[in-house]
Amino acid sequence: MSLLTSNIVILFIMIIYGVMSGGSAIILKIGIFRAGGIEINNFIRDIGPAAWRLITTPVWMLGGIAAIIGFVIYTIALNTYDVSVVKPLVNTNLLFTFGLAYLVFNEKLTRIEWFGIGILTAGLLFVAFSPNIVSEDIMNIPLLLGILPLTIVLMVTMVFIMFVSKRGHAEFVFPIFAGTFYGLGTLFTKSLLIALNQMNTGDSIILGLFLYSVCMLILTYFFAIIAQMLAFERGRLSIVSPITNALSVIISFIGAYFVFYENLIPLIGDQFLFQSLFKIIGLLGILAALIILRREITPLPRSDGVN
């Protein structure tokens, strides 16, 4: 597959992902309010009933199905291409979020928001058309294992903050946890896929790494989803989305370099060309756009917690 063909394929895959993910974000938020919100005062006692209210709400389930389909598409891309390319491209979902916000909530775009969309689109294209985006099945196993204690500390801290954080701070606190866990989840998704691709070697280390990646993937995404749902309920998407997206991209981008040895500024034919900077330029453009595209997507009006 030529470089140009590979670029077009990854861009097409992530556009499909953007449609599913962008739609699920709005549907999930509507579903949360139709389910009566999420109230967790005791983690062990309240997490089950809260989850039951959500999964028995058809709108929320529809958003969940769309999110799962998007994740499958995202995993397919991650199995083939670099983390430092795929993860920034998840922000294609913002383009469709704005479009669906207009259709669902009749929201209008301001001039500054059109400017932000232009920067975001340019950044996505820069990343998509950066060179050498076919991923290698190599990783820094000791560093990957070293993420475990950090993840445990984050989980314990989040559970503690859930019971002491005021609602006014929730829209800042929970998106930080959501973005961090999503970023770490991306690294464990990639390590799981690499281990799965090498399972036929019969290496016990690879088997152990596969099981470790599965457990860490479940834990990080479990806490990421909880944090995101709490952020959706208690905060404005104008704050929640930029923080979550930016942190998840930054953590994945850094992890791509240190864990998977990805060349963030690769050479083309052993020569430095301007296109080698596309990935970095695109990432900076995406992060700038996330700051510009801060807006609130207002939930549908509700009465007694249900529409």
C-alpha atoms as a PDB file:
ATOM      1  CA  MET A   1       0.000   0.000   0.000  1.00  0.00           C
ATOM      2  CA  SER A   2       1.452   3.376  -1.025  1.00  0.00           C
ATOM      3  CA  LEU A   3       1.826   6.200   1.496  1.00  0.00           C
ATOM      4  CA  LEU A   4      -0.938   8.265  -0.141  1.00  0.00           C
ATOM      5  CA  THR A   5      -3.333   5.313  -0.231  1.00  0.00           C
ATOM      6  CA  SER A   6      -2.564   4.569   3.414  1.00  0.00           C
ATOM      7  CA  ASN A   7      -3.233   8.211   4.310  1.00  0.00           C
ATOM      8  CA  ILE A   8      -6.608   8.162   2.556  1.00  0.00           C
ATOM      9  CA  VAL A   9      -7.614   4.882   4.200  1.00  0.00           C
ATOM     10  CA  ILE A  10      -6.852   6.045   7.757  1.00  0.00           C
ATOM     11  CA  LEU A  11      -8.647   9.339   7.157  1.00  0.00           C
ATOM     12  CA  PHE A  12     -11.719   7.507   5.820  1.00  0.00           C
ATOM     13  CA  ILE A  13     -11.740   5.097   8.774  1.00  0.00           C
ATOM     14  CA  MET A  14     -11.531   7.919  11.293  1.00  0.00           C
ATOM     15  CA  ILE A  15     -14.273   9.909   9.558  1.00  0.00           C
ATOM     16  CA  ILE A  16     -16.590   6.926  10.052  1.00  0.00           C
ATOM     17  CA  TYR A  17     -15.428   6.805  13.667  1.00  0.00           C
ATOM     18  CA  GLY A  18     -16.172  10.517  14.008  1.00  0.00           C
ATOM     19  CA  VAL A  19     -19.766  10.031  12.848  1.00  0.00           C
ATOM     20  CA  MET A  20     -20.411   7.291  15.419  1.00  0.00           C
ATOM     21  CA  SER A  21     -18.550   8.929  18.295  1.00  0.00           C
ATOM     22  CA  GLY A  22     -19.855  12.440  17.677  1.00  0.00           C
ATOM     23  CA  GLY A  23     -23.432  11.191  17.610  1.00  0.00           C
ATOM     24  CA  SER A  24     -22.987   9.055  20.715  1.00  0.00           C
ATOM     25  CA  ALA A  25     -21.730  11.993  22.828  1.00  0.00           C
ATOM     26  CA  ILE A  26     -24.951  13.955  22.334  1.00  0.00           C
ATOM     27  CA  ILE A  27     -27.233  10.926  22.625  1.00  0.00           C
ATOM     28  CA  LEU A  28     -25.524   9.799  25.850  1.00  0.00           C
ATOM     29  CA  LYS A  29     -25.944  13.226  27.411  1.00  0.00           C
ATOM     30  CA  ILE A  30     -29.664  13.259  26.550  1.00  0.00           C
ATOM     31  CA  GLY A  31     -29.952   9.710  27.893  1.00  0.00           C
ATOM     32  CA  ILE A  32     -28.352  10.652  31.219  1.00  0.00           C
ATOM     33  CA  PHE A  33     -30.973  13.325  31.846  1.00  0.00           C
ATOM     34  CA  ARG A  34     -33.830  11.113  30.714  1.00  0.00           C
ATOM     35  CA  ALA A  35     -32.579   8.499  33.170  1.00  0.00           C
ATOM     36  CA  GLY A  36     -32.894  11.048  35.958  1.00  0.00           C
ATOM     37  CA  GLY A  37     -29.202  11.842  36.237  1.00  0.00           C
ATOM     38  CA  ILE A  38     -26.404  10.089  38.099  1.00  0.00           C
ATOM     39  CA  GLU A  39     -26.268  10.415  41.862  1.00  0.00           C
ATOM     40  CA  ILE A  40     -23.448   8.470  43.536  1.00  0.00           C
ATOM     41  CA  ASN A  41     -23.019   9.144  47.256  1.00  0.00           C
ATOM     42  CA  ASN A  42     -21.692   5.678  48.067  1.00  0.00           C
ATOM     43  CA  PHE A  43     -19.652   4.017  45.320  1.00  0.00           C
ATOM     44  CA  ILE A  44     -20.470   0.408  46.223  1.00  0.00           C
ATOM     45  CA  ARG A  45     -24.148   1.052  47.041  1.00  0.00           C
ATOM     46  CA  ASP A  46     -25.047   3.505  44.262  1.00  0.00           C
ATOM     47  CA  ILE A  47     -22.991   2.438  41.223  1.00  0.00           C
ATOM     48  CA  GLY A  48     -25.256  -0.565  40.489  1.00  0.00           C
ATOM     49  CA  PRO A  49     -28.602   1.296  40.583  1.00  0.00           C
ATOM     50  CA  ALA A  50     -27.125   4.194  38.589  1.00  0.00           C
ATOM     51  CA  ALA A  51     -25.886   1.788  35.918  1.00  0.00           C
ATOM     52  CA  TRP A  52     -29.283   0.042  35.836  1.00  0.00           C
ATOM     53  CA  ARG A  53     -31.139   3.330  35.286  1.00  0.00           C
ATOM     54  CA  LEU A  54     -28.862   4.109  32.354  1.00  0.00           C
ATOM     55  CA  ILE A  55     -29.011   0.724  30.612  1.00  0.00           C
ATOM     56  CA  THR A  56     -32.815   0.647  30.961  1.00  0.00           C
ATOM     57  CA  THR A  57     -33.085   4.036  29.242  1.00  0.00           C
ATOM     58  CA  PRO A  58     -33.433   3.384  25.473  1.00  0.00           C
ATOM     59  CA  VAL A  59     -31.875   6.701  24.438  1.00  0.00           C
ATOM     60  CA  TRP A  60     -28.783   6.075  26.553  1.00  0.00           C
ATOM     61  CA  MET A  61     -28.490   2.529  25.215  1.00  0.00           C
ATOM     62  CA  LEU A  62     -28.654   3.867  21.658  1.00  0.00           C
ATOM     63  CA  GLY A  63     -25.791   6.214  22.440  1.00  0.00           C
ATOM     64  CA  GLY A  64     -23.896   3.360  24.070  1.00  0.00           C
ATOM     65  CA  ILE A  65     -24.286   1.168  20.981  1.00  0.00           C
ATOM     66  CA  ALA A  66     -23.019   3.999  18.768  1.00  0.00           C
ATOM     67  CA  ALA A  67     -20.049   4.481  21.102  1.00  0.00           C
ATOM     68  CA  ILE A  68     -19.221   0.759  20.990  1.00  0.00           C
ATOM     69  CA  ILE A  69     -19.341   0.717  17.185  1.00  0.00           C
ATOM     70  CA  GLY A  70     -17.072   3.745  17.161  1.00  0.00           C
ATOM     71  CA  PHE A  71     -14.650   2.012  19.536  1.00  0.00           C
ATOM     72  CA  VAL A  72     -14.516  -1.071  17.290  1.00  0.00           C
ATOM     73  CA  ILE A  73     -13.682   1.118  14.283  1.00  0.00           C
ATOM     74  CA  TYR A  74     -11.086   2.948  16.369  1.00  0.00           C
ATOM     75  CA  THR A  75      -9.518  -0.371  17.445  1.00  0.00           C
ATOM     76  CA  ILE A  76      -9.273  -1.522  13.833  1.00  0.00           C
ATOM     77  CA  ALA A  77      -7.375   1.662  12.974  1.00  0.00           C
ATOM     78  CA  LEU A  78      -5.156   1.333  16.044  1.00  0.00           C
ATOM     79  CA  ASN A  79      -4.255  -2.231  15.094  1.00  0.00           C
ATOM     80  CA  THR A  80      -2.728  -1.028  11.825  1.00  0.00           C
ATOM     81  CA  TYR A  81      -1.548   2.544  12.305  1.00  0.00           C
ATOM     82  CA  ASP A  82       0.523   4.515  14.810  1.00  0.00           C
ATOM     83  CA  VAL A  83      -1.038   5.668  18.070  1.00  0.00           C
ATOM     84  CA  SER A  84       0.352   9.159  17.398  1.00  0.00           C
ATOM     85  CA  VAL A  85      -1.690   9.273  14.188  1.00  0.00           C
ATOM     86  CA  VAL A  86      -4.909   7.510  15.180  1.00  0.00           C
ATOM     87  CA  LYS A  87      -5.462   9.195  18.548  1.00  0.00           C
ATOM     88  CA  PRO A  88      -5.353  12.824  17.315  1.00  0.00           C
ATOM     89  CA  LEU A  89      -7.756  11.841  14.539  1.00  0.00           C
ATOM     90  CA  VAL A  90     -10.421  10.843  17.073  1.00  0.00           C
ATOM     91  CA  ASN A  91     -11.192  14.570  17.151  1.00  0.00           C
ATOM     92  CA  THR A  92     -13.061  14.145  13.877  1.00  0.00           C
ATOM     93  CA  ASN A  93     -15.954  13.459  16.253  1.00  0.00           C
ATOM     94  CA  LEU A  94     -16.073  17.166  17.157  1.00  0.00           C
ATOM     95  CA  LEU A  95     -16.893  18.088  13.570  1.00  0.00           C
ATOM     96  CA  PHE A  96     -19.936  15.827  13.657  1.00  0.00           C
ATOM     97  CA  THR A  97     -20.812  16.873  17.218  1.00  0.00           C
ATOM     98  CA  PHE A  98     -21.190  20.453  16.017  1.00  0.00           C
ATOM     99  CA  GLY A  99     -23.271  19.358  13.058  1.00  0.00           C
ATOM    100  CA  LEU A 100     -25.551  17.207  15.180  1.00  0.00           C
ATOM    101  CA  ALA A 101     -25.802  19.952  17.816  1.00  0.00           C
ATOM    102  CA  TYR A 102     -27.206  22.191  15.098  1.00  0.00           C
ATOM    103  CA  LEU A 103     -29.724  19.547  13.977  1.00  0.00           C
ATOM    104  CA  VAL A 104     -30.758  18.381  17.460  1.00  0.00           C
ATOM    105  CA  PHE A 105     -30.508  21.578  19.527  1.00  0.00           C
ATOM    106  CA  ASN A 106     -30.727  24.144  16.701  1.00  0.00           C
ATOM    107  CA  GLU A 107     -27.405  25.638  17.800  1.00  0.00           C
ATOM    108  CA  LYS A 108     -25.787  28.229  15.551  1.00  0.00           C
ATOM    109  CA  LEU A 109     -22.075  28.535  14.871  1.00  0.00           C
ATOM    110  CA  THR A 110     -20.337  31.823  15.616  1.00  0.00           C
ATOM    111  CA  ARG A 111     -17.524  33.221  13.492  1.00  0.00           C
ATOM    112  CA  ILE A 112     -14.903  32.161  16.047  1.00  0.00           C
ATOM    113  CA  GLU A 113     -16.366  28.645  16.037  1.00  0.00           C
ATOM    114  CA  TRP A 114     -16.155  28.482  12.240  1.00  0.00           C
ATOM    115  CA  PHE A 115     -12.545  29.615  12.599  1.00  0.00           C
ATOM    116  CA  GLY A 116     -11.933  26.840  15.158  1.00  0.00           C
ATOM    117  CA  ILE A 117     -13.519  24.251  12.875  1.00  0.00           C
ATOM    118  CA  GLY A 118     -11.209  25.402  10.073  1.00  0.00           C
ATOM    119  CA  ILE A 119      -8.138  24.992  12.306  1.00  0.00           C
ATOM    120  CA  LEU A 120      -9.380  21.602  13.525  1.00  0.00           C
ATOM    121  CA  THR A 121      -9.954  20.378   9.973  1.00  0.00           C
ATOM    122  CA  ALA A 122      -6.504  21.563   8.895  1.00  0.00           C
ATOM    123  CA  GLY A 123      -4.909  19.908  11.927  1.00  0.00           C
ATOM    124  CA  LEU A 124      -6.687  16.617  11.223  1.00  0.00           C
ATOM    125  CA  LEU A 125      -5.528  16.678   7.604  1.00  0.00           C
ATOM    126  CA  PHE A 126      -1.932  17.415   8.638  1.00  0.00           C
ATOM    127  CA  VAL A 127      -1.946  14.417  10.984  1.00  0.00           C
ATOM    128  CA  ALA A 128      -3.705  12.143   8.490  1.00  0.00           C
ATOM    129  CA  PHE A 129      -1.186  12.951   5.760  1.00  0.00           C
ATOM    130  CA  SER A 130       1.944  12.670   7.902  1.00  0.00           C
ATOM    131  CA  PRO A 131       4.427  10.016   6.679  1.00  0.00           C
ATOM    132  CA  ASN A 132       5.211   6.522   7.965  1.00  0.00           C
ATOM    133  CA  ILE A 133       1.891   5.819   9.642  1.00  0.00           C
ATOM    134  CA  VAL A 134       2.010   2.001   9.422  1.00  0.00           C
ATOM    135  CA  SER A 135       2.518   0.757  12.976  1.00  0.00           C
ATOM    136  CA  GLU A 136       5.282  -1.605  14.143  1.00  0.00           C
ATOM    137  CA  ASP A 137       4.619  -4.371  16.688  1.00  0.00           C
ATOM    138  CA  ILE A 138       7.209  -3.251  19.242  1.00  0.00           C
ATOM    139  CA  MET A 139       6.841  -1.807  22.732  1.00  0.00           C
ATOM    140  CA  ASN A 140       8.654  -0.931  25.947  1.00  0.00           C
ATOM    141  CA  ILE A 141       7.299  -3.642  28.257  1.00  0.00           C
ATOM    142  CA  PRO A 142       8.964  -2.437  31.515  1.00  0.00           C
ATOM    143  CA  LEU A 143       7.538   1.070  31.022  1.00  0.00           C
ATOM    144  CA  LEU A 144       4.117  -0.354  30.185  1.00  0.00           C
ATOM    145  CA  LEU A 145       4.169  -2.358  33.418  1.00  0.00           C
ATOM    146  CA  GLY A 146       5.299   0.739  35.286  1.00  0.00           C
ATOM    147  CA  ILE A 147       2.027   2.456  34.399  1.00  0.00           C
ATOM    148  CA  LEU A 148       0.188   0.099  36.790  1.00  0.00           C
ATOM    149  CA  PRO A 149       0.966   1.904  40.086  1.00  0.00           C
ATOM    150  CA  LEU A 150       0.183   5.284  38.500  1.00  0.00           C
ATOM    151  CA  THR A 151      -3.167   3.954  37.291  1.00  0.00           C
ATOM    152  CA  ILE A 152      -4.036   2.565  40.733  1.00  0.00           C
ATOM    153  CA  VAL A 153      -3.226   5.913  42.383  1.00  0.00           C
ATOM    154  CA  LEU A 154      -5.452   7.709  39.859  1.00  0.00           C
ATOM    155  CA  MET A 155      -8.320   5.290  40.455  1.00  0.00           C
ATOM    156  CA  VAL A 156      -8.166   5.635  44.252  1.00  0.00           C
ATOM    157  CA  THR A 157      -7.896   9.424  43.957  1.00  0.00           C
ATOM    158  CA  MET A 158     -10.906   9.618  41.653  1.00  0.00           C
ATOM    159  CA  VAL A 159     -13.082   7.498  43.965  1.00  0.00           C
ATOM    160  CA  PHE A 160     -12.090   9.723  46.895  1.00  0.00           C
ATOM    161  CA  ILE A 161     -12.819  12.945  44.984  1.00  0.00           C
ATOM    162  CA  MET A 162     -16.225  11.632  43.890  1.00  0.00           C
ATOM    163  CA  PHE A 163     -17.401  12.094  47.480  1.00  0.00           C
ATOM    164  CA  VAL A 164     -15.696  15.371  48.373  1.00  0.00           C
ATOM    165  CA  SER A 165     -15.695  17.417  45.159  1.00  0.00           C
ATOM    166  CA  LYS A 166     -18.280  20.177  44.911  1.00  0.00           C
ATOM    167  CA  ARG A 167     -20.452  20.223  41.800  1.00  0.00           C
ATOM    168  CA  GLY A 168     -18.901  23.543  40.787  1.00  0.00           C
ATOM    169  CA  HIS A 169     -15.519  21.867  40.409  1.00  0.00           C
ATOM    170  CA  ALA A 170     -16.795  18.658  38.884  1.00  0.00           C
ATOM    171  CA  GLU A 171     -16.705  19.945  35.297  1.00  0.00           C
ATOM    172  CA  PHE A 172     -12.944  20.486  35.682  1.00  0.00           C
ATOM    173  CA  VAL A 173     -12.059  17.507  37.869  1.00  0.00           C
ATOM    174  CA  PHE A 174     -13.859  14.638  36.144  1.00  0.00           C
ATOM    175  CA  PRO A 175     -12.831  15.549  32.571  1.00  0.00           C
ATOM    176  CA  ILE A 176      -9.209  15.437  33.777  1.00  0.00           C
ATOM    177  CA  PHE A 177      -9.712  11.892  35.027  1.00  0.00           C
ATOM    178  CA  ALA A 178     -11.708  10.917  31.929  1.00  0.00           C
ATOM    179  CA  GLY A 179      -9.054  12.246  29.545  1.00  0.00           C
ATOM    180  CA  THR A 180      -6.231  10.633  31.526  1.00  0.00           C
ATOM    181  CA  PHE A 181      -7.909   7.234  31.677  1.00  0.00           C
ATOM    182  CA  TYR A 182      -8.888   7.374  27.992  1.00  0.00           C
ATOM    183  CA  GLY A 183      -5.274   8.184  27.108  1.00  0.00           C
ATOM    184  CA  LEU A 184      -3.974   5.292  29.204  1.00  0.00           C
ATOM    185  CA  GLY A 185      -6.693   3.056  27.784  1.00  0.00           C
ATOM    186  CA  THR A 186      -5.423   3.796  24.290  1.00  0.00           C
ATOM    187  CA  LEU A 187      -1.939   2.608  25.273  1.00  0.00           C
ATOM    188  CA  PHE A 188      -3.317  -0.625  26.735  1.00  0.00           C
ATOM    189  CA  THR A 189      -5.528  -1.161  23.698  1.00  0.00           C
ATOM    190  CA  LYS A 190      -2.448  -0.911  21.495  1.00  0.00           C
ATOM    191  CA  SER A 191      -0.389  -3.223  23.738  1.00  0.00           C
ATOM    192  CA  LEU A 192      -3.232  -5.766  23.749  1.00  0.00           C
ATOM    193  CA  LEU A 193      -3.373  -5.732  19.953  1.00  0.00           C
ATOM    194  CA  ILE A 194       0.415  -6.147  19.674  1.00  0.00           C
ATOM    195  CA  ALA A 195       0.350  -9.051  22.148  1.00  0.00           C
ATOM    196  CA  LEU A 196      -2.565 -10.627  20.286  1.00  0.00           C
ATOM    197  CA  ASN A 197      -0.665 -10.409  17.011  1.00  0.00           C
ATOM    198  CA  GLN A 198       2.292 -12.223  18.624  1.00  0.00           C
ATOM    199  CA  MET A 199       0.352 -14.894  20.514  1.00  0.00           C
ATOM    200  CA  ASN A 200       1.290 -17.598  17.997  1.00  0.00           C
ATOM    201  CA  THR A 201       4.930 -17.403  19.158  1.00  0.00           C
ATOM    202  CA  GLY A 202       4.074 -19.358  22.311  1.00  0.00           C
ATOM    203  CA  ASP A 203       6.034 -16.898  24.441  1.00  0.00           C
ATOM    204  CA  SER A 204       4.788 -16.892  28.054  1.00  0.00           C
ATOM    205  CA  ILE A 205       5.797 -13.229  28.391  1.00  0.00           C
ATOM    206  CA  ILE A 206       3.489 -12.315  25.523  1.00  0.00           C
ATOM    207  CA  LEU A 207       0.647 -14.276  27.145  1.00  0.00           C
ATOM    208  CA  GLY A 208       1.221 -12.463  30.436  1.00  0.00           C
ATOM    209  CA  LEU A 209       1.332  -9.119  28.642  1.00  0.00           C
ATOM    210  CA  PHE A 210      -1.930  -9.953  26.874  1.00  0.00           C
ATOM    211  CA  LEU A 211      -3.709 -10.747  30.149  1.00  0.00           C
ATOM    212  CA  TYR A 212      -2.224  -7.659  31.806  1.00  0.00           C
ATOM    213  CA  SER A 213      -3.357  -5.466  28.913  1.00  0.00           C
ATOM    214  CA  VAL A 214      -6.885  -6.911  29.016  1.00  0.00           C
ATOM    215  CA  CYS A 215      -7.228  -6.195  32.753  1.00  0.00           C
ATOM    216  CA  MET A 216      -5.780  -2.689  32.481  1.00  0.00           C
ATOM    217  CA  LEU A 217      -7.896  -1.915  29.421  1.00  0.00           C
ATOM    218  CA  ILE A 218     -11.074  -2.858  31.282  1.00  0.00           C
ATOM    219  CA  LEU A 219     -10.096  -0.870  34.382  1.00  0.00           C
ATOM    220  CA  THR A 220      -9.004   2.299  32.585  1.00  0.00           C
ATOM    221  CA  TYR A 221     -12.028   2.462  30.314  1.00  0.00           C
ATOM    222  CA  PHE A 222     -14.372   1.596  33.195  1.00  0.00           C
ATOM    223  CA  PHE A 223     -13.130   4.560  35.207  1.00  0.00           C
ATOM    224  CA  ALA A 224     -12.950   6.746  32.095  1.00  0.00           C
ATOM    225  CA  ILE A 225     -16.627   6.084  31.326  1.00  0.00           C
ATOM    226  CA  ILE A 226     -17.688   6.769  34.930  1.00  0.00           C
ATOM    227  CA  ALA A 227     -15.718  10.025  34.962  1.00  0.00           C
ATOM    228  CA  GLN A 228     -17.137  11.055  31.592  1.00  0.00           C
ATOM    229  CA  MET A 229     -20.736  10.302  32.594  1.00  0.00           C
ATOM    230  CA  LEU A 230     -20.324  12.336  35.795  1.00  0.00           C
ATOM    231  CA  ALA A 231     -18.721  15.133  33.773  1.00  0.00           C
ATOM    232  CA  PHE A 232     -21.595  15.067  31.243  1.00  0.00           C
ATOM    233  CA  GLU A 233     -24.149  15.353  34.027  1.00  0.00           C
ATOM    234  CA  ARG A 234     -22.405  17.930  36.220  1.00  0.00           C
ATOM    235  CA  GLY A 235     -20.521  20.022  33.689  1.00  0.00           C
ATOM    236  CA  ARG A 236     -20.852  21.924  30.443  1.00  0.00           C
ATOM    237  CA  LEU A 237     -19.634  20.238  27.276  1.00  0.00           C
ATOM    238  CA  SER A 238     -17.874  23.524  26.535  1.00  0.00           C
ATOM    239  CA  ILE A 239     -15.506  22.600  29.383  1.00  0.00           C
ATOM    240  CA  VAL A 240     -15.787  18.814  29.474  1.00  0.00           C
ATOM    241  CA  SER A 241     -15.033  18.012  25.827  1.00  0.00           C
ATOM    242  CA  PRO A 242     -11.873  20.142  25.343  1.00  0.00           C
ATOM    243  CA  ILE A 243     -10.259  18.926  28.576  1.00  0.00           C
ATOM    244  CA  THR A 244     -11.101  15.263  27.964  1.00  0.00           C
ATOM    245  CA  ASN A 245     -10.039  15.263  24.321  1.00  0.00           C
ATOM    246  CA  ALA A 246      -6.860  17.276  24.846  1.00  0.00           C
ATOM    247  CA  LEU A 247      -5.602  15.175  27.752  1.00  0.00           C
ATOM    248  CA  SER A 248      -6.368  11.855  26.063  1.00  0.00           C
ATOM    249  CA  VAL A 249      -4.533  12.969  22.912  1.00  0.00           C
ATOM    250  CA  ILE A 250      -1.502  14.343  24.761  1.00  0.00           C
ATOM    251  CA  ILE A 251      -1.080  11.252  26.955  1.00  0.00           C
ATOM    252  CA  SER A 252      -1.457   8.936  23.956  1.00  0.00           C
ATOM    253  CA  PHE A 253       0.967  11.038  21.896  1.00  0.00           C
ATOM    254  CA  ILE A 254       3.633  10.944  24.626  1.00  0.00           C
ATOM    255  CA  GLY A 255       3.022   7.248  25.244  1.00  0.00           C
ATOM    256  CA  ALA A 256       3.400   6.530  21.538  1.00  0.00           C
ATOM    257  CA  TYR A 257       6.969   7.833  21.690  1.00  0.00           C
ATOM    258  CA  PHE A 258       8.101   6.265  24.963  1.00  0.00           C
ATOM    259  CA  VAL A 259       6.096   3.015  24.974  1.00  0.00           C
ATOM    260  CA  PHE A 260       5.826   2.126  21.282  1.00  0.00           C
ATOM    261  CA  TYR A 261       8.946   3.891  19.966  1.00  0.00           C
ATOM    262  CA  GLU A 262       7.014   5.801  17.325  1.00  0.00           C
ATOM    263  CA  ASN A 263       8.947   8.437  15.387  1.00  0.00           C
ATOM    264  CA  LEU A 264       6.960  11.600  15.941  1.00  0.00           C
ATOM    265  CA  ILE A 265       9.052  13.502  13.360  1.00  0.00           C
ATOM    266  CA  PRO A 266      10.102  10.750  10.914  1.00  0.00           C
ATOM    267  CA  LEU A 267      12.488  11.081   8.003  1.00  0.00           C
ATOM    268  CA  ILE A 268      11.382  10.370   4.444  1.00  0.00           C
ATOM    269  CA  GLY A 269      13.933   8.378   2.526  1.00  0.00           C
ATOM    270  CA  ASP A 270      16.554   9.260   5.178  1.00  0.00           C
ATOM    271  CA  GLN A 271      15.993  12.931   4.418  1.00  0.00           C
ATOM    272  CA  PHE A 272      14.263  15.561   6.477  1.00  0.00           C
ATOM    273  CA  LEU A 273      11.346  17.050   4.556  1.00  0.00           C
ATOM    274  CA  PHE A 274       8.650  19.474   5.673  1.00  0.00           C
ATOM    275  CA  GLN A 275       6.081  16.684   5.567  1.00  0.00           C
ATOM    276  CA  SER A 276       7.959  15.082   8.475  1.00  0.00           C
ATOM    277  CA  LEU A 277       6.608  17.866  10.680  1.00  0.00           C
ATOM    278  CA  PHE A 278       2.985  17.258   9.672  1.00  0.00           C
ATOM    279  CA  LYS A 279       2.227  15.153  12.750  1.00  0.00           C
ATOM    280  CA  ILE A 280       3.489  17.803  15.192  1.00  0.00           C
ATOM    281  CA  ILE A 281       1.900  20.712  13.276  1.00  0.00           C
ATOM    282  CA  GLY A 282      -1.387  18.831  13.092  1.00  0.00           C
ATOM    283  CA  LEU A 283      -1.379  18.041  16.813  1.00  0.00           C
ATOM    284  CA  LEU A 284      -0.737  21.686  17.730  1.00  0.00           C
ATOM    285  CA  GLY A 285      -3.562  22.735  15.399  1.00  0.00           C
ATOM    286  CA  ILE A 286      -5.953  20.233  16.975  1.00  0.00           C
ATOM    287  CA  LEU A 287      -5.099  21.359  20.513  1.00  0.00           C
ATOM    288  CA  ALA A 288      -5.536  25.013  19.517  1.00  0.00           C
ATOM    289  CA  ALA A 289      -8.913  24.187  17.965  1.00  0.00           C
ATOM    290  CA  LEU A 290     -10.018  22.407  21.150  1.00  0.00           C
ATOM    291  CA  ILE A 291      -9.417  25.635  23.062  1.00  0.00           C
ATOM    292  CA  ILE A 292     -11.332  27.694  20.504  1.00  0.00           C
ATOM    293  CA  LEU A 293     -14.236  25.270  20.160  1.00  0.00           C
ATOM    294  CA  ARG A 294     -15.457  25.600  23.720  1.00  0.00           C
ATOM    295  CA  ARG A 295     -19.212  25.665  23.816  1.00  0.00           C
ATOM    296  CA  GLU A 296     -22.116  24.331  25.807  1.00  0.00           C
ATOM    297  CA  ILE A 297     -24.472  21.777  24.301  1.00  0.00           C
ATOM    298  CA  THR A 298     -27.604  22.299  26.373  1.00  0.00           C
ATOM    299  CA  PRO A 299     -29.572  19.148  27.266  1.00  0.00           C
ATOM    300  CA  LEU A 300     -33.202  18.842  26.321  1.00  0.00           C
ATOM    301  CA  PRO A 301     -35.575  20.257  28.946  1.00  0.00           C
ATOM    302  CA  ARG A 302     -36.716  17.711  31.483  1.00  0.00           C
ATOM    303  CA  SER A 303     -39.401  17.482  34.112  1.00  0.00           C
ATOM    304  CA  ASP A 304     -38.886  15.427  37.251  1.00  0.00           C
ATOM    305  CA  GLY A 305     -35.776  13.940  35.705  1.00  0.00           C
ATOM    306  CA  VAL A 306     -37.583  12.417  32.717  1.00  0.00           C
ATOM    307  CA  ASN A 307     -38.642  13.643  29.268  1.00  0.00           C
END
